[in-house]
C-alpha cells in the first residue's frame, strides 16, 4: 500500500510539473541546403563535390571522408540555403570539430574558423519576417570531423509546433487566439497540457484552461488509446488529449487527420551523443508507453541519441538509434548520457 501511495504521488508530481513547465522552443535545422566540398582548408581550390537537397547540417563523419572524392582530413564544406523566418529573435547554435563560420544575409555573425575539439557556440540574431540567406562554412583539419547547426525561436512572434494559421486550415482568415468553427472545450480538469505531438511524452507547449473553448483544427489517434486534437491556444498551436476535451460544432470523426513532427524525424543523423540504459528498456515507436514496442534494449547497451523531448525543463524521452540501426524512443530518466545533450534537437 505504501509503495502504491508513493507511486501515485510521483505521478501527480510529474503531471503538475508538466502543466506548470515553461514553453520550450523546437529546434530547426533548416531544409534544402546545398553542400559544396573542397580539398583544402581555405576554399582557395576547385570544388570537388556538390550535394543538393540536404535537410539539415547535422553530421558526424568521424575520421572518414564526408563524401565521395573528398579527403578525410584537411577539407572544407560550404553549406548554403534560403530559409523562411517569422519576425523575431532567434538563438543559433553551431557546434564543430574543427572550425565553423556562419553568415546571415552575407554578414559574418560567427567566426570560429580554427582547429579545436568539438565545441558549441551560441549567438542571437533578430530577423525580419520572410526569406533569409544562410551560409555555414566548416573546417576539418585532422582526426574527428563533426558539424551541427540549428536555431530556436526566442521571442517576437508565435512559437511552438505547427505555424500554419487557423485561417489556412479552416479557410477563413481570423485573428490568432479567436475561437472559431469547431470548438474543443477542456472538461474535468483545471488545466490540460498542450504538447508538440499527440503523445504523452511530447514536449510541453502551453496549458489549455479548464471550462474554456479552443478552436480545434485536426485529430490524430496514433497513440492508440485516446484521440488527440490539434488546438489553438492564444497564438500557439499544439496537441491535447481528447480524454479531457469535448468537441462541439462538428462530428469529431469529420475533423481532418493530421500528423506531427514525430512523423518526420525518423531519419535524423547521428550527432555524436550516446546513451547507456541503466535497466532493460522498451524501445517505442513514439514517446509514449501507449505506442507500439519495437524492441528491448539491454542494460548497458550503447545507443546513439538523435533527438529528445522536454518536460519541466528536463529531458523526458530520448530518440535513439540502436547499433542495429533501429530508431525509436526510450524513457530518459534511466539513461546515462555521454556528450553535449543540449545539441540534440528538441521535438
Protein backbone atom coordinates (compact mmCIF):
# COMPACT_ATOMS: atom_id res chain seq x y z
CA UNK A 1 0.00 0.00 0.00
CA UNK A 2 2.82 2.39 0.88
CA UNK A 3 4.52 1.73 -2.46
CA UNK A 4 1.27 2.34 -4.34
CA UNK A 5 0.70 5.62 -2.50
CA UNK A 6 4.25 6.74 -3.22
CA UNK A 7 3.84 5.91 -6.89
CA UNK A 8 0.62 7.92 -7.10
CA UNK A 9 2.37 10.91 -5.52
CA UNK A 10 5.22 10.68 -8.03
CA UNK A 11 2.78 10.53 -10.97
CA UNK A 12 0.82 13.51 -9.64
CA UNK A 13 4.05 15.47 -9.20
CA UNK A 14 5.10 14.73 -12.79
CA UNK A 15 1.70 15.81 -14.14
CA UNK A 16 1.80 19.03 -12.12
CA UNK A 17 5.32 19.79 -13.28
CA UNK A 18 4.30 19.24 -16.91
CA UNK A 19 1.35 21.60 -16.55
CA UNK A 20 3.50 24.31 -14.99
CA UNK A 21 6.51 23.85 -17.26
CA UNK A 22 7.66 26.79 -19.36
CA UNK A 23 7.26 26.79 -23.12
CA UNK A 24 10.13 25.04 -24.87
CA UNK A 25 11.14 26.07 -28.36
CA UNK A 26 11.64 23.47 -31.04
CA UNK A 27 14.96 23.23 -32.81
CA UNK A 28 15.11 23.81 -36.56
CA UNK A 29 17.93 22.56 -38.76
CA UNK A 30 16.61 24.14 -41.95
CA UNK A 31 15.92 22.31 -45.20
CA UNK A 32 17.18 22.05 -48.78
CA UNK A 33 20.80 23.00 -48.12
CA UNK A 34 23.46 22.82 -50.82
CA UNK A 35 26.80 21.46 -49.61
CA UNK A 36 29.95 22.17 -51.64
CA UNK A 37 33.14 20.26 -50.70
CA UNK A 38 36.78 21.40 -51.13
CA UNK A 39 40.05 19.50 -50.62
CA UNK A 40 41.74 22.48 -48.99
CA UNK A 41 41.33 24.45 -45.75
CA UNK A 42 40.68 27.96 -47.15
CA UNK A 43 38.29 27.39 -50.11
CA UNK A 44 41.07 28.54 -52.46
CA UNK A 45 40.83 25.42 -54.61
CA UNK A 46 38.31 23.95 -57.04
CA UNK A 47 35.21 22.30 -55.57
CA UNK A 48 35.42 18.51 -55.75
CA UNK A 49 31.79 17.61 -54.97
CA UNK A 50 28.36 19.19 -54.55
CA UNK A 51 25.39 17.76 -52.69
CA UNK A 52 21.89 19.27 -53.01
CA UNK A 53 18.69 18.81 -51.04
CA UNK A 54 20.46 18.40 -47.70
CA UNK A 55 17.84 18.57 -44.94
CA UNK A 56 19.86 19.93 -42.06
CA UNK A 57 23.51 20.36 -41.07
CA UNK A 58 23.93 17.61 -38.53
CA UNK A 59 26.89 15.36 -39.35
CA UNK A 60 29.44 13.26 -37.51
CA UNK A 61 31.88 11.86 -40.07
CA UNK A 62 34.42 10.66 -37.51
CA UNK A 63 37.73 10.05 -39.26
CA UNK A 64 36.11 9.17 -42.60
CA UNK A 65 35.59 11.13 -45.80
CA UNK A 66 32.27 13.02 -45.81
CA UNK A 67 31.60 12.48 -49.50
CA UNK A 68 32.99 10.66 -52.49
CA UNK A 69 36.16 12.37 -53.75
CA UNK A 70 36.70 14.38 -50.54
CA UNK A 71 39.72 13.98 -48.25
CA UNK A 72 39.24 12.51 -44.78
CA UNK A 73 41.35 15.37 -43.34
CA UNK A 74 42.16 18.96 -44.37
CA UNK A 75 38.92 19.74 -46.19
CA UNK A 76 36.22 22.42 -46.03
CA UNK A 77 32.48 22.40 -46.70
CA UNK A 78 30.27 25.38 -47.60
CA UNK A 79 26.59 24.89 -46.76
CA UNK A 80 24.14 27.38 -48.31
CA UNK A 81 20.36 27.74 -48.15
CA UNK A 82 17.47 30.19 -48.03
CA UNK A 83 15.15 29.72 -45.06
CA UNK A 84 11.88 31.43 -44.17
CA UNK A 85 11.65 33.01 -40.71
CA UNK A 86 8.91 34.65 -38.73
CA UNK A 87 9.78 38.06 -37.34
CA UNK A 88 11.61 37.84 -34.03
CA UNK A 89 14.80 36.94 -32.22
CA UNK A 90 16.41 33.55 -32.76
CA UNK A 91 19.16 31.74 -30.92
CA UNK A 92 21.59 29.99 -33.25
CA UNK A 93 23.64 27.02 -32.04
CA UNK A 94 26.72 25.99 -34.02
CA UNK A 95 28.92 23.08 -32.95
CA UNK A 96 32.03 21.80 -34.70
CA UNK A 97 35.26 19.86 -34.63
CA UNK A 98 37.23 21.72 -36.01
CA UNK A 99 36.15 25.22 -37.15
CA UNK A 100 32.98 26.98 -38.26
CA UNK A 101 31.81 30.31 -39.70
CA UNK A 102 28.22 31.50 -40.05
CA UNK A 103 26.87 34.20 -42.38
CA UNK A 104 23.30 35.55 -42.41
CA UNK A 105 22.34 37.57 -45.48
CA UNK A 106 26.04 37.85 -46.32
CA UNK A 107 27.07 39.27 -42.93
CA UNK A 108 29.57 37.30 -40.83
CA UNK A 109 27.89 36.61 -37.46
CA UNK A 110 30.13 33.84 -36.06
CA UNK A 111 33.82 33.29 -36.78
CA UNK A 112 35.43 30.26 -35.13
CA UNK A 113 37.37 29.02 -38.17
CA UNK A 114 40.12 27.39 -36.12
CA UNK A 115 41.40 23.98 -35.13
CA UNK A 116 39.74 22.74 -31.92
CA UNK A 117 37.96 19.83 -30.28
CA UNK A 118 34.18 19.61 -30.53
CA UNK A 119 32.86 22.94 -29.21
CA UNK A 120 29.41 24.54 -29.14
CA UNK A 121 28.89 28.28 -29.84
CA UNK A 122 25.65 30.21 -29.39
CA UNK A 123 24.54 33.64 -30.56
CA UNK A 124 21.28 35.52 -31.06
CA UNK A 125 20.06 37.38 -34.10
CA UNK A 126 16.88 39.41 -34.71
CA UNK A 127 15.35 38.73 -38.13
CA UNK A 128 12.54 40.26 -40.13
CA UNK A 129 9.74 38.08 -41.45
CA UNK A 130 10.49 36.41 -44.74
CA UNK A 131 13.37 34.70 -46.54
CA UNK A 132 16.97 34.97 -45.30
CA UNK A 133 20.14 33.55 -46.82
CA UNK A 134 22.25 31.33 -44.55
CA UNK A 135 25.81 30.19 -45.17
CA UNK A 136 27.73 27.88 -42.86
CA UNK A 137 31.39 27.13 -43.57
CA UNK A 138 33.03 24.13 -41.91
CA UNK A 139 36.75 23.44 -41.50
CA UNK A 140 38.21 19.98 -40.84
CA UNK A 141 41.92 19.66 -40.09
CA UNK A 142 42.77 16.26 -38.61
CA UNK A 143 41.16 13.42 -36.65
CA UNK A 144 37.41 13.81 -35.89
CA UNK A 145 35.06 15.74 -38.19
CA UNK A 146 31.72 16.86 -36.82
CA UNK A 147 29.43 19.81 -37.53
CA UNK A 148 25.95 20.83 -36.43
CA UNK A 149 23.87 23.95 -36.97
CA UNK A 150 20.39 24.67 -35.60
CA UNK A 151 18.29 27.56 -34.39
CA UNK A 152 15.49 28.22 -31.91
CA UNK A 153 12.85 30.95 -31.77
CA UNK A 154 13.37 33.15 -28.68
CA UNK A 155 10.83 35.98 -28.83
CA UNK A 156 8.77 38.24 -31.07
CA UNK A 157 6.18 36.08 -32.86
CA UNK A 158 4.32 32.81 -32.26
CA UNK A 159 6.40 29.81 -31.29
CA UNK A 160 5.63 26.18 -30.73
CA UNK A 161 4.95 23.50 -33.26
CA UNK A 162 2.85 23.92 -36.39
CA UNK A 163 2.90 27.56 -37.56
CA UNK A 164 0.01 27.15 -40.01
CA UNK A 165 -2.75 29.57 -39.06
CA UNK A 166 -6.31 28.51 -38.29
CA UNK A 167 -7.41 30.55 -41.29
CA UNK A 168 -5.18 28.48 -43.59
CA UNK A 169 -6.64 25.23 -42.28
CA UNK A 170 -10.31 26.19 -41.96
CA UNK A 171 -10.33 28.57 -44.94
CA UNK A 172 -11.28 31.78 -43.10
CA UNK A 173 -8.61 34.31 -42.00
CA UNK A 174 -9.04 35.18 -38.33
CA UNK A 175 -7.04 36.86 -35.58
CA UNK A 176 -4.78 34.46 -33.65
CA UNK A 177 -6.42 33.22 -30.48
CA UNK A 178 -10.02 33.99 -31.55
CA UNK A 179 -12.11 30.80 -31.24
CA UNK A 180 -13.92 29.97 -34.48
CA UNK A 181 -15.51 26.97 -36.16
CA UNK A 182 -15.39 23.66 -34.28
CA UNK A 183 -14.52 24.05 -30.60
CA UNK A 184 -12.70 21.82 -28.13
CA UNK A 185 -13.70 22.55 -24.53
CA UNK A 186 -11.50 21.42 -21.65
CA UNK A 187 -13.64 19.47 -19.17
CA UNK A 188 -12.92 17.55 -16.00
CA UNK A 189 -9.58 19.21 -15.22
CA UNK A 190 -8.45 22.73 -14.29
CA UNK A 191 -5.73 22.72 -16.92
CA UNK A 192 -4.72 20.47 -19.80
CA UNK A 193 -1.17 20.16 -21.15
CA UNK A 194 -0.75 21.05 -24.83
CA UNK A 195 2.19 19.30 -26.49
CA UNK A 196 4.28 19.28 -29.65
CA UNK A 197 2.76 15.96 -30.73
CA UNK A 198 -0.14 13.63 -29.91
CA UNK A 199 1.82 11.67 -27.29
CA UNK A 200 2.17 11.75 -23.51
CA UNK A 201 5.93 12.14 -23.85
CA UNK A 202 5.93 15.00 -26.38
CA UNK A 203 7.39 18.33 -25.29
CA UNK A 204 5.20 20.78 -23.39
CA UNK A 205 3.98 23.86 -25.30
CA UNK A 206 1.41 25.57 -23.07
CA UNK A 207 -1.68 24.90 -20.90
CA UNK A 208 -5.32 24.97 -22.02
CA UNK A 209 -7.54 26.20 -19.19
CA UNK A 210 -10.50 24.23 -17.83
CA UNK A 211 -14.06 25.04 -18.98
CA UNK A 212 -12.64 27.05 -21.89
CA UNK A 213 -13.28 26.52 -25.59
CA UNK A 214 -10.47 26.47 -28.16
CA UNK A 215 -10.57 26.22 -31.93
CA UNK A 216 -9.87 22.65 -32.96
CA UNK A 217 -8.04 22.05 -36.22
CA UNK A 218 -7.32 18.33 -36.63
CA UNK A 219 -7.20 14.94 -34.94
CA UNK A 220 -4.71 12.11 -34.51
CA UNK A 221 -5.10 8.67 -32.94
CA UNK A 222 -1.61 7.25 -33.42
CA UNK A 223 -1.03 6.90 -29.67
CA UNK A 224 -3.66 4.18 -29.75
CA UNK A 225 -5.84 4.90 -26.69
CA UNK A 226 -7.36 8.38 -26.87
CA UNK A 227 -7.78 10.66 -29.87
CA UNK A 228 -5.61 13.76 -29.63
CA UNK A 229 -6.68 17.11 -31.09
CA UNK A 230 -4.65 19.95 -32.54
CA UNK A 231 -5.99 23.11 -30.91
CA UNK A 232 -5.25 26.83 -30.96
CA UNK A 233 -4.38 28.34 -27.57
CA UNK A 234 -3.85 32.08 -27.99
CA UNK A 235 -1.09 32.39 -30.59
CA UNK A 236 0.15 28.81 -30.15
CA UNK A 237 -0.93 25.51 -31.59
CA UNK A 238 -0.38 22.11 -30.05
CA UNK A 239 -1.87 18.70 -29.30
CA UNK A 240 -4.15 17.95 -26.35
CA UNK A 241 -5.57 14.61 -25.23
CA UNK A 242 -9.21 14.02 -26.13
CA UNK A 243 -9.68 12.35 -22.76
CA UNK A 244 -10.40 15.81 -21.31
CA UNK A 245 -11.86 17.55 -24.36
CA UNK A 246 -15.45 17.87 -25.53
CA UNK A 247 -15.77 18.61 -29.25
CA UNK A 248 -18.72 20.73 -30.43
CA UNK A 249 -19.79 22.22 -33.74
CA UNK A 250 -18.70 19.20 -35.76
CA UNK A 251 -18.63 15.41 -35.66
CA UNK A 252 -15.12 14.72 -34.25
CA UNK A 253 -14.65 12.00 -36.88
CA UNK A 254 -15.19 14.63 -39.59
CA UNK A 255 -12.13 16.61 -38.47
CA UNK A 256 -9.14 16.16 -40.79
CA UNK A 257 -6.49 13.68 -39.69
CA UNK A 258 -3.03 15.21 -39.37
CA UNK A 259 0.45 14.02 -38.49
CA UNK A 260 3.07 15.76 -36.39
CA UNK A 261 6.78 16.49 -36.30
CA UNK A 262 7.34 12.98 -34.90
CA UNK A 263 6.40 11.50 -38.28
CA UNK A 264 9.24 13.40 -39.96
CA UNK A 265 12.32 12.75 -37.80
CA UNK A 266 12.94 9.03 -38.22
CA UNK A 267 15.99 9.58 -40.44
CA UNK A 268 17.71 12.11 -38.18
CA UNK A 269 21.51 11.68 -38.37
CA UNK A 270 23.81 10.68 -35.55
CA UNK A 271 25.32 13.71 -33.80
CA UNK A 272 27.94 12.16 -31.53
CA UNK A 273 25.78 11.82 -28.41
CA UNK A 274 25.38 8.39 -26.83
CA UNK A 275 23.26 6.89 -24.10
CA UNK A 276 23.64 3.83 -21.90
CA UNK A 277 20.42 2.48 -20.31
CA UNK A 278 20.66 1.64 -16.61
CA UNK A 279 17.97 -1.03 -16.96
CA UNK A 280 16.32 -3.11 -19.65
CA UNK A 281 14.26 -0.62 -21.67
CA UNK A 282 11.42 -0.82 -24.15
CA UNK A 283 12.12 0.89 -27.47
CA UNK A 284 8.87 2.53 -28.59
CA UNK A 285 7.79 3.88 -31.97
CA UNK A 286 6.84 7.23 -30.36
CA UNK A 287 7.50 8.89 -26.97
CA UNK A 288 4.67 7.24 -25.07
CA UNK A 289 4.17 3.96 -23.23
CA UNK A 290 0.90 3.65 -25.15
CA UNK A 291 2.62 3.26 -28.51
CA UNK A 292 3.96 0.12 -30.15
CA UNK A 293 7.04 -1.52 -28.66
CA UNK A 294 9.65 -2.06 -31.36
CA UNK A 295 12.22 -3.95 -29.33
CA UNK A 296 14.01 -4.12 -26.00
CA UNK A 297 17.38 -2.53 -25.29
CA UNK A 298 19.65 -4.41 -22.92
CA UNK A 299 21.08 -2.96 -19.73
CA UNK A 300 24.34 -1.22 -20.65
CA UNK A 301 23.85 -1.38 -24.44
CA UNK A 302 25.14 1.84 -26.02
CA UNK A 303 22.76 3.73 -28.33
CA UNK A 304 23.08 6.93 -30.34
CA UNK A 305 20.85 9.80 -29.15
CA UNK A 306 19.43 11.75 -32.11
CA UNK A 307 16.60 13.73 -30.50
CA UNK A 308 14.69 14.33 -27.29
CA UNK A 309 11.56 15.73 -25.73
CA UNK A 310 11.45 18.11 -22.77
CA UNK A 311 9.07 18.43 -19.84
CA UNK A 312 9.58 20.54 -16.72
CA UNK A 313 12.97 21.61 -18.15
CA UNK A 314 14.21 18.03 -18.06
CA UNK A 315 14.90 15.51 -20.79
CA UNK A 316 11.78 13.33 -20.84
CA UNK A 317 12.09 10.88 -23.76
CA UNK A 318 15.11 10.25 -25.98
CA UNK A 319 15.02 9.37 -29.65
CA UNK A 320 17.77 6.82 -30.21
CA UNK A 321 19.32 4.68 -32.89
CA UNK A 322 20.46 1.21 -31.83
CA UNK A 323 23.63 -0.50 -33.00
CA UNK A 324 21.45 -2.46 -35.43
CA UNK A 325 20.14 0.80 -36.93
CA UNK A 326 16.66 0.68 -35.42
CA UNK A 327 15.22 4.10 -34.45
CA UNK A 328 12.75 4.63 -31.61
CA UNK A 329 12.13 6.31 -28.25
CA UNK A 330 13.16 5.39 -24.69
CA UNK A 331 12.43 6.98 -21.31
CA UNK A 332 15.19 9.45 -20.44
CA UNK A 333 15.47 9.25 -16.60
CA UNK A 334 17.03 5.76 -16.77
CA UNK A 335 19.71 6.64 -19.33
CA UNK A 336 23.27 7.81 -18.69
CA UNK A 337 24.12 10.38 -21.37
CA UNK A 338 27.56 10.98 -22.85
CA UNK A 339 28.10 14.08 -24.99
CA UNK A 340 26.58 17.54 -25.46
CA UNK A 341 22.91 16.70 -24.91
CA UNK A 342 21.91 20.34 -25.49
CA UNK A 343 22.94 19.82 -29.11
CA UNK A 344 20.23 17.16 -29.54
CA UNK A 345 17.17 18.63 -31.27
CA UNK A 346 14.04 19.05 -29.17
CA UNK A 347 10.90 17.55 -30.68
